[in-house]
Each structure stands twice: as C-alpha cells, then as structure tokens.
Amino acid sequence: ESEEEFSTRLANNLENLILKEGPET
C-alpha cells in the first residue's frame, strides 16, 4: 500500500477505535 493509503487506513482505525471506546476516554 502507498503512504497515502497507509495514513488513510491509520486514520480510519483511530476513528473507529475512538467511536468504539466512546467519547469519554
């Protein structure tokens, strides 16, 4: 994967983690 795809995937993972953990963490 390219650097751009990598950073996009990383951002999506982070966003999903935040949503899964909830806004309080």
PDB file of N, CA and C in Angstrom:
ATOM      1  N   GLU A   1       0.839  -1.193   0.000  1.00  0.00           N
ATOM      2  CA  GLU A   1       0.000   0.000   0.000  1.00  0.00           C
ATOM      3  C   GLU A   1       0.873   1.241   0.000  1.00  0.00           C
ATOM      4  N   SER A   2       0.352   2.306  -0.535  1.00  0.00           N
ATOM      5  CA  SER A   2       1.130   3.545  -0.593  1.00  0.00           C
ATOM      6  C   SER A   2       1.092   4.263   0.754  1.00  0.00           C
ATOM      7  N   GLU A   3       1.929   5.282   0.866  1.00  0.00           N
ATOM      8  CA  GLU A   3       1.977   6.034   2.124  1.00  0.00           C
ATOM      9  C   GLU A   3       0.639   6.716   2.391  1.00  0.00           C
ATOM     10  N   GLU A   4       0.006   7.150   1.306  1.00  0.00           N
ATOM     11  CA  GLU A   4      -1.287   7.825   1.450  1.00  0.00           C
ATOM     12  C   GLU A   4      -2.356   6.848   1.932  1.00  0.00           C
ATOM     13  N   GLU A   5      -2.365   5.653   1.339  1.00  0.00           N
ATOM     14  CA  GLU A   5      -3.330   4.637   1.751  1.00  0.00           C
ATOM     15  C   GLU A   5      -3.095   4.230   3.199  1.00  0.00           C
ATOM     16  N   PHE A   6      -1.812   4.143   3.565  1.00  0.00           N
ATOM     17  CA  PHE A   6      -1.458   3.762   4.926  1.00  0.00           C
ATOM     18  C   PHE A   6      -1.995   4.776   5.934  1.00  0.00           C
ATOM     19  N   SER A   7      -1.762   6.050   5.667  1.00  0.00           N
ATOM     20  CA  SER A   7      -2.202   7.094   6.598  1.00  0.00           C
ATOM     21  C   SER A   7      -3.726   7.168   6.658  1.00  0.00           C
ATOM     22  N   THR A   8      -4.375   6.913   5.518  1.00  0.00           N
ATOM     23  CA  THR A   8      -5.835   6.906   5.500  1.00  0.00           C
ATOM     24  C   THR A   8      -6.368   5.759   6.347  1.00  0.00           C
ATOM     25  N   ARG A   9      -5.761   4.585   6.180  1.00  0.00           N
ATOM     26  CA  ARG A   9      -6.184   3.418   6.953  1.00  0.00           C
ATOM     27  C   ARG A   9      -5.941   3.649   8.438  1.00  0.00           C
ATOM     28  N   LEU A  10      -4.813   4.251   8.748  1.00  0.00           N
ATOM     29  CA  LEU A  10      -4.475   4.535  10.134  1.00  0.00           C
ATOM     30  C   LEU A  10      -5.508   5.481  10.752  1.00  0.00           C
ATOM     31  N   ALA A  11      -5.883   6.507  10.004  1.00  0.00           N
ATOM     32  CA  ALA A  11      -6.871   7.475  10.490  1.00  0.00           C
ATOM     33  C   ALA A  11      -8.222   6.799  10.707  1.00  0.00           C
ATOM     34  N   ASN A  12      -8.602   5.911   9.795  1.00  0.00           N
ATOM     35  CA  ASN A  12      -9.865   5.197   9.936  1.00  0.00           C
ATOM     36  C   ASN A  12      -9.844   4.292  11.154  1.00  0.00           C
ATOM     37  N   ASN A  13      -8.723   3.608  11.369  1.00  0.00           N
ATOM     38  CA  ASN A  13      -8.597   2.741  12.536  1.00  0.00           C
ATOM     39  C   ASN A  13      -8.731   3.553  13.816  1.00  0.00           C
ATOM     40  N   LEU A  14      -8.081   4.700  13.839  1.00  0.00           N
ATOM     41  CA  LEU A  14      -8.115   5.564  15.013  1.00  0.00           C
ATOM     42  C   LEU A  14      -9.536   6.057  15.266  1.00  0.00           C
ATOM     43  N   GLU A  15     -10.206   6.428  14.200  1.00  0.00           N
ATOM     44  CA  GLU A  15     -11.571   6.927  14.322  1.00  0.00           C
ATOM     45  C   GLU A  15     -12.500   5.838  14.837  1.00  0.00           C
ATOM     46  N   ASN A  16     -12.348   4.627  14.301  1.00  0.00           N
ATOM     47  CA  ASN A  16     -13.170   3.505  14.744  1.00  0.00           C
ATOM     48  C   ASN A  16     -12.903   3.182  16.203  1.00  0.00           C
ATOM     49  N   LEU A  17     -11.642   3.254  16.597  1.00  0.00           N
ATOM     50  CA  LEU A  17     -11.269   2.983  17.979  1.00  0.00           C
ATOM     51  C   LEU A  17     -11.921   3.999  18.908  1.00  0.00           C
ATOM     52  N   ILE A  18     -11.879   5.252  18.531  1.00  0.00           N
ATOM     53  CA  ILE A  18     -12.477   6.322  19.334  1.00  0.00           C
ATOM     54  C   ILE A  18     -13.990   6.117  19.452  1.00  0.00           C
ATOM     55  N   LEU A  19     -14.631   5.780  18.343  1.00  0.00           N
ATOM     56  CA  LEU A  19     -16.071   5.571  18.360  1.00  0.00           C
ATOM     57  C   LEU A  19     -16.427   4.358  19.207  1.00  0.00           C
ATOM     58  N   LYS A  20     -15.598   3.321  19.131  1.00  0.00           N
ATOM     59  CA  LYS A  20     -15.851   2.098  19.869  1.00  0.00           C
ATOM     60  C   LYS A  20     -15.645   2.310  21.362  1.00  0.00           C
ATOM     61  N   GLU A  21     -14.594   3.054  21.705  1.00  0.00           N
ATOM     62  CA  GLU A  21     -14.283   3.316  23.108  1.00  0.00           C
ATOM     63  C   GLU A  21     -15.289   4.279  23.724  1.00  0.00           C
ATOM     64  N   GLY A  22     -15.847   5.138  22.908  1.00  0.00           N
ATOM     65  CA  GLY A  22     -16.795   6.122  23.405  1.00  0.00           C
ATOM     66  C   GLY A  22     -16.121   7.460  23.627  1.00  0.00           C
ATOM     67  N   PRO A  23     -16.904   8.505  23.730  1.00  0.00           N
ATOM     68  CA  PRO A  23     -16.380   9.870  23.807  1.00  0.00           C
ATOM     69  C   PRO A  23     -15.739  10.206  25.153  1.00  0.00           C
ATOM     70  N   GLU A  24     -15.899   9.340  26.147  1.00  0.00           N
ATOM     71  CA  GLU A  24     -15.419   9.684  27.484  1.00  0.00           C
ATOM     72  C   GLU A  24     -13.943   9.398  27.680  1.00  0.00           C
ATOM     73  N   THR A  25     -13.362   8.558  26.831  1.00  0.00           N
ATOM     74  CA  THR A  25     -11.959   8.190  27.011  1.00  0.00           C
ATOM     75  C   THR A  25     -11.045   9.206  26.362  1.00  0.00           C
TER      76      THR A  25
END
